Structure formats: C-alpha cells, structure tokens
Amino acid sequence: FFVLLDPSFPKDRIAIILEDSQATLMLTDQRNIAVARQAADPGCRIVEFESIGDRVAGQDLGLRISPKALAHIIYTSGSTGRHKGVVQNHVNQLHFVMRTTNADRVSARDSIALLSSGTANTVTNALIALLNGAELLPFDVKEKGTSDLANWLLKERISVCPIAAPLFRKLCEDLTGEERFLDLRFLRLSSDTVYKTDVELYKKYFPSTCILGTGLASSETGPIRKYLINHNTEITGDEVPV
C-alpha cells in the first residue's frame, strides 16, 4: 500500500507523514528528486521513475491481494491538531469508485479533469477515471493558476469536472460569459459548503446540458449523500441542502 505525498506540502507535514507511516520507499520524478532526498530518512529508498526505462518487464505480476488488504493512507490537513492518517483498504476504495461511477454515470467516453493533489479526492478521482476506461487529464492549479483553466477545460473537451468549491468560484471570476462548455456534462463541487450563490454562478456560466452536483463526504467514509442540481432547481435557503 502507499501514502500520497504532495511536494508542495510544508516540510514539517512531509516529515510527520513519513515518520508516522514508516515509509520504506519513495517514488518520485526528476523534478522533485531533491525534495525527496531532503525528506527521506536514511533507510528509505528513493526511486526516480523516469529513469526506470523500458527494460522492466511489463507483464502482470499475478499477485493475489485480499479485498481487505490496505490500499493507501491519506493524511488529513491537520486543522484539528496533528495530521491523522486515514487508512483505506481495497474493497472500500472500489466501493467508493462504484458509487461515484453510478451516481455520476461515468463511462469510457468521458474526459475527466484532475485538479486536486495530495488529497483523498486525488486518489478516488484518478481511479474513477482509470477503472472506467475514461481519459484522465491533470491540470496543476498550484503551478499554473486559474487564469487559463477555462481555456484548458474547453480545449481538452472535459466532460466531468470534480472541483473544490473555492476553486469553482475562482474559475467563475475569470469567465467572461462568452465561453461555451458544450462538452461539460457534470460539475462536482467538493471540499466546502456549497451556497445558493454557487448555484447562481453555475446557471449563469454553464449550459443547461451540464448538471451540478455536490454532497457530503469525508476522508474516512467517502461519499455519504449526493445532491444533483440543474437549471430548473430552486434553492430556497442560503446553502444547498445536502
């Protein structure tokens, strides 16, 4: 099983995660090799995957993995104190993927945006795309900002866009109203309370063929409830009632 590290994490957070998880191998790329070497304990092996080359056999290893075997650990932000590791096994993670696949009607025809990094959403959204044969397209918001995000969504013909609610609001600030997101059929907001004003932004900037979704979830349980909205949905209060 693995633990996810984001090189943009503060150094003390990376140190806490490595100490707590007792990681023995770190997989990185050439760009972040210096960060990995600085963070890794002396007994932790570092593998820079771009140097592996094509000499490694590509056959299925034929491993038998129990559904209850650990799949990964995701660490919380630490907003309530020390970062806490949330452990998921294979059957739980696959169940999360199945539920989201069915609710969002994901198929191999979809092109799915990957805008988050270092979170439980990163793992789940990647698996939702790959296990359905859909196209997974990453966009590094931390590096590129949001000014070109709308153009990227249009150019890549993104059909499903899981996006944090604060990032959605920032995206809408950069829109002119002239954009036509004709390929986008589903916007899924997460990571924050969704407000009536968010629904108004969706109705203003996105076509009626696009559904807005939100819900209630946690790193421990995955999605618990879903709430789907179209252009005819009326929100009477200030917040979307999950």
Protein backbone atom coordinates (compact mmCIF):
# COMPACT_ATOMS: atom_id res chain seq x y z
CA PHE A 1 0.00 0.00 0.00
CA PHE A 2 1.07 3.61 -0.43
CA VAL A 3 0.86 7.03 1.15
CA LEU A 4 0.37 10.09 -1.03
CA LEU A 5 2.82 12.99 -0.72
CA ASP A 6 2.50 16.36 -2.43
CA PRO A 7 5.85 18.15 -2.92
CA SER A 8 4.08 21.43 -2.22
CA PHE A 9 3.28 20.30 1.34
CA PRO A 10 5.18 22.15 4.08
CA LYS A 11 8.37 20.33 5.05
CA ASP A 12 7.14 19.64 8.57
CA ARG A 13 3.99 17.98 7.24
CA ILE A 14 6.01 15.73 4.93
CA ALA A 15 8.27 14.82 7.86
CA ILE A 16 5.30 13.94 10.08
CA ILE A 17 3.74 11.76 7.36
CA LEU A 18 6.98 9.89 6.65
CA GLU A 19 7.65 9.33 10.35
CA ASP A 20 4.11 8.17 11.10
CA SER A 21 3.72 5.93 8.04
CA GLN A 22 7.22 4.42 8.30
CA ALA A 23 7.54 4.53 4.51
CA THR A 24 10.46 2.43 3.21
CA LEU A 25 10.40 3.50 -0.45
CA MET A 26 9.71 6.87 -2.05
CA LEU A 27 8.65 7.10 -5.71
CA THR A 28 9.31 10.48 -7.32
CA ASP A 29 10.13 12.19 -10.61
CA GLN A 30 13.26 14.03 -11.70
CA ARG A 31 11.72 17.40 -10.93
CA ASN A 32 11.16 16.53 -7.26
CA ILE A 33 14.17 14.30 -6.62
CA ALA A 34 15.88 16.95 -4.47
CA VAL A 35 12.79 17.33 -2.28
CA ALA A 36 12.59 13.55 -1.89
CA ARG A 37 16.26 13.25 -0.88
CA GLN A 38 15.90 16.01 1.66
CA ALA A 39 12.76 14.50 3.19
CA ALA A 40 13.61 10.78 3.17
CA ASP A 41 15.05 9.01 6.20
CA PRO A 42 18.40 7.21 5.71
CA GLY A 43 16.63 3.84 5.48
CA CYS A 44 14.10 5.00 2.88
CA ARG A 45 14.92 4.00 -0.69
CA ILE A 46 14.22 6.60 -3.42
CA VAL A 47 13.21 5.57 -6.93
CA GLU A 48 13.04 8.21 -9.67
CA PHE A 49 10.57 6.57 -12.04
CA GLU A 50 11.61 8.44 -15.19
CA SER A 51 14.98 6.67 -15.03
CA ILE A 52 13.48 3.17 -14.94
CA GLY A 53 13.32 2.96 -18.74
CA ASP A 54 11.63 0.27 -20.81
CA ARG A 55 13.79 -2.70 -19.78
CA VAL A 56 11.50 -3.61 -16.90
CA ALA A 57 9.03 -6.40 -17.71
CA GLY A 58 5.51 -5.16 -18.25
CA GLN A 59 3.69 -8.41 -17.57
CA ASP A 60 1.06 -8.73 -14.88
CA LEU A 61 2.78 -9.77 -11.65
CA GLY A 62 -0.04 -12.17 -10.84
CA LEU A 63 -0.29 -11.02 -7.24
CA ARG A 64 -3.30 -12.13 -5.21
CA ILE A 65 -4.45 -9.26 -3.00
CA SER A 66 -7.19 -9.66 -0.41
CA PRO A 67 -10.06 -7.15 -0.68
CA LYS A 68 -9.37 -6.28 2.96
CA ALA A 69 -5.67 -5.59 2.33
CA LEU A 70 -4.57 -2.00 2.85
CA ALA A 71 -4.62 0.12 -0.31
CA HIS A 72 -3.40 3.55 0.85
CA ILE A 73 -3.16 6.10 3.64
CA ILE A 74 -4.29 9.70 3.22
CA TYR A 75 -3.36 12.27 5.86
CA THR A 76 -5.78 14.97 6.96
CA SER A 77 -4.89 18.64 6.75
CA GLY A 78 -4.24 18.83 10.48
CA SER A 79 -6.76 21.62 11.04
CA THR A 80 -7.85 20.00 14.32
CA GLY A 81 -4.30 19.35 15.51
CA ARG A 82 -1.81 16.72 14.38
CA HIS A 83 -2.22 15.25 10.88
CA LYS A 84 -4.17 11.99 11.08
CA GLY A 85 -3.66 9.08 8.72
CA VAL A 86 -6.87 7.67 7.23
CA VAL A 87 -6.41 4.08 6.08
CA GLN A 88 -8.44 2.60 3.20
CA ASN A 89 -8.48 -0.99 2.06
CA HIS A 90 -9.09 -2.20 -1.49
CA VAL A 91 -12.75 -3.13 -1.09
CA ASN A 92 -13.66 0.24 0.47
CA GLN A 93 -11.86 2.19 -2.25
CA LEU A 94 -13.51 0.14 -5.00
CA HIS A 95 -16.89 0.66 -3.33
CA PHE A 96 -16.35 4.44 -3.34
CA VAL A 97 -15.47 4.27 -7.04
CA MET A 98 -18.56 2.18 -7.82
CA ARG A 99 -20.90 4.55 -6.00
CA THR A 100 -19.50 7.62 -7.73
CA THR A 101 -19.43 5.87 -11.11
CA ASN A 102 -23.14 5.05 -10.81
CA ALA A 103 -24.16 8.44 -9.42
CA ASP A 104 -22.18 10.47 -11.96
CA ARG A 105 -22.76 7.96 -14.80
CA VAL A 106 -19.08 7.83 -15.68
CA SER A 107 -18.15 5.84 -18.79
CA ALA A 108 -15.22 5.27 -21.13
CA ARG A 109 -16.48 8.18 -23.25
CA ASP A 110 -15.69 10.72 -20.54
CA SER A 111 -12.71 13.04 -20.21
CA ILE A 112 -12.23 13.74 -16.51
CA ALA A 113 -10.29 16.64 -15.02
CA LEU A 114 -7.84 16.03 -12.17
CA LEU A 115 -7.38 19.37 -10.40
CA SER A 116 -6.51 18.31 -6.85
CA SER A 117 -3.28 16.87 -5.45
CA GLY A 118 -2.25 15.29 -2.18
CA THR A 119 -5.80 14.54 -1.02
CA ALA A 120 -8.22 11.60 -0.84
CA ASN A 121 -10.04 13.15 -3.81
CA THR A 122 -6.86 12.79 -5.89
CA VAL A 123 -6.82 9.02 -5.43
CA THR A 124 -10.55 8.49 -5.86
CA ASN A 125 -10.96 10.76 -8.89
CA ALA A 126 -8.00 9.12 -10.63
CA LEU A 127 -9.39 5.64 -10.00
CA ILE A 128 -12.89 6.67 -11.14
CA ALA A 129 -11.43 7.66 -14.50
CA LEU A 130 -8.97 4.81 -14.98
CA LEU A 131 -11.21 1.96 -13.78
CA ASN A 132 -13.91 3.10 -16.20
CA GLY A 133 -11.55 3.44 -19.15
CA ALA A 134 -12.13 7.21 -19.21
CA GLU A 135 -9.48 9.80 -20.08
CA LEU A 136 -7.78 11.36 -17.04
CA LEU A 137 -6.36 14.85 -17.62
CA PRO A 138 -4.37 16.61 -14.86
CA PHE A 139 -4.11 20.39 -14.55
CA ASP A 140 -1.70 21.78 -11.93
CA VAL A 141 -3.63 24.68 -10.43
CA LYS A 142 -0.90 25.43 -7.87
CA GLU A 143 1.64 25.96 -10.64
CA LYS A 144 -0.50 27.39 -13.46
CA GLY A 145 -3.13 29.32 -11.51
CA THR A 146 -6.72 29.66 -12.72
CA SER A 147 -6.40 32.23 -15.50
CA ASP A 148 -6.06 29.54 -18.19
CA LEU A 149 -8.25 26.90 -16.54
CA ALA A 150 -11.36 27.75 -18.57
CA ASN A 151 -9.45 27.58 -21.85
CA TRP A 152 -7.96 24.26 -20.79
CA LEU A 153 -11.41 22.81 -19.98
CA LEU A 154 -12.61 23.86 -23.42
CA LYS A 155 -9.50 22.71 -25.32
CA GLU A 156 -9.42 19.29 -23.65
CA ARG A 157 -13.19 18.90 -24.04
CA ILE A 158 -13.59 17.96 -20.38
CA SER A 159 -16.92 16.22 -19.74
CA VAL A 160 -16.66 15.60 -15.96
CA CYS A 161 -15.01 18.17 -13.70
CA PRO A 162 -14.60 17.38 -9.98
CA ILE A 163 -13.61 20.73 -8.46
CA ALA A 164 -13.29 22.21 -4.99
CA ALA A 165 -15.98 24.81 -4.36
CA PRO A 166 -13.48 27.65 -3.65
CA LEU A 167 -11.67 26.84 -6.91
CA PHE A 168 -15.00 26.81 -8.76
CA ARG A 169 -15.70 30.34 -7.51
CA LYS A 170 -12.25 31.48 -8.62
CA LEU A 171 -12.83 29.89 -12.04
CA CYS A 172 -16.10 31.80 -12.41
CA GLU A 173 -14.35 35.08 -11.57
CA ASP A 174 -12.20 34.58 -14.68
CA LEU A 175 -15.12 33.78 -17.00
CA THR A 176 -16.49 36.32 -19.46
CA GLY A 177 -19.82 34.65 -20.19
CA GLU A 178 -18.76 34.04 -23.79
CA GLU A 179 -17.38 30.56 -23.06
CA ARG A 180 -19.43 27.61 -24.31
CA PHE A 181 -18.78 24.49 -22.25
CA LEU A 182 -20.71 22.25 -24.63
CA ASP A 183 -18.74 19.10 -23.75
CA LEU A 184 -19.06 19.56 -19.99
CA ARG A 185 -21.93 17.44 -18.67
CA PHE A 186 -21.13 17.24 -14.95
CA LEU A 187 -19.59 19.62 -12.40
CA ARG A 188 -18.99 18.07 -8.98
CA LEU A 189 -18.25 20.56 -6.17
CA SER A 190 -16.42 19.40 -3.04
CA SER A 191 -14.27 20.44 -0.07
CA ASP A 192 -16.53 23.24 1.19
CA THR A 193 -20.14 24.21 1.85
CA VAL A 194 -21.97 24.93 -1.41
CA TYR A 195 -24.11 28.06 -1.36
CA LYS A 196 -27.04 29.40 -3.33
CA THR A 197 -24.62 31.90 -4.89
CA ASP A 198 -22.60 28.96 -6.27
CA VAL A 199 -25.73 27.60 -7.93
CA GLU A 200 -26.37 31.03 -9.44
CA LEU A 201 -22.83 31.07 -10.88
CA TYR A 202 -23.41 27.62 -12.37
CA LYS A 203 -26.66 28.74 -14.02
CA LYS A 204 -25.02 31.91 -15.33
CA TYR A 205 -21.89 30.42 -16.88
CA PHE A 206 -22.64 26.77 -17.68
CA PRO A 207 -25.17 25.28 -20.14
CA SER A 208 -28.41 23.55 -19.20
CA THR A 209 -26.91 20.29 -20.50
CA CYS A 210 -24.47 20.37 -17.57
CA ILE A 211 -25.50 19.02 -14.15
CA LEU A 212 -24.14 20.49 -10.91
CA GLY A 213 -23.53 18.01 -8.11
CA THR A 214 -22.47 18.28 -4.50
CA GLY A 215 -22.68 16.05 -1.49
CA LEU A 216 -21.48 15.07 1.93
CA ALA A 217 -18.30 13.03 2.32
CA SER A 218 -15.26 12.51 4.49
CA SER A 219 -11.80 11.02 4.10
CA GLU A 220 -12.87 8.13 6.36
CA THR A 221 -16.17 7.20 4.71
CA GLY A 222 -16.07 8.57 1.17
CA PRO A 223 -19.37 9.88 -0.27
CA ILE A 224 -22.41 9.65 2.01
CA ARG A 225 -25.03 11.69 0.18
CA LYS A 226 -25.36 13.34 -3.23
CA TYR A 227 -27.39 16.34 -4.33
CA LEU A 228 -27.87 16.99 -8.06
CA ILE A 229 -28.92 20.34 -9.49
CA ASN A 230 -29.98 21.52 -12.95
CA HIS A 231 -31.05 24.91 -14.28
CA ASN A 232 -34.61 24.36 -13.01
CA THR A 233 -33.61 23.55 -9.42
CA GLU A 234 -34.69 26.20 -6.91
CA ILE A 235 -32.56 26.70 -3.80
CA THR A 236 -34.67 28.46 -1.17
CA GLY A 237 -32.06 28.92 1.55
CA ASP A 238 -28.54 30.30 1.52
CA GLU A 239 -26.92 26.84 1.49
CA VAL A 240 -27.52 23.82 -0.75
CA PRO A 241 -29.34 21.25 1.43
CA VAL A 242 -27.32 18.04 1.17
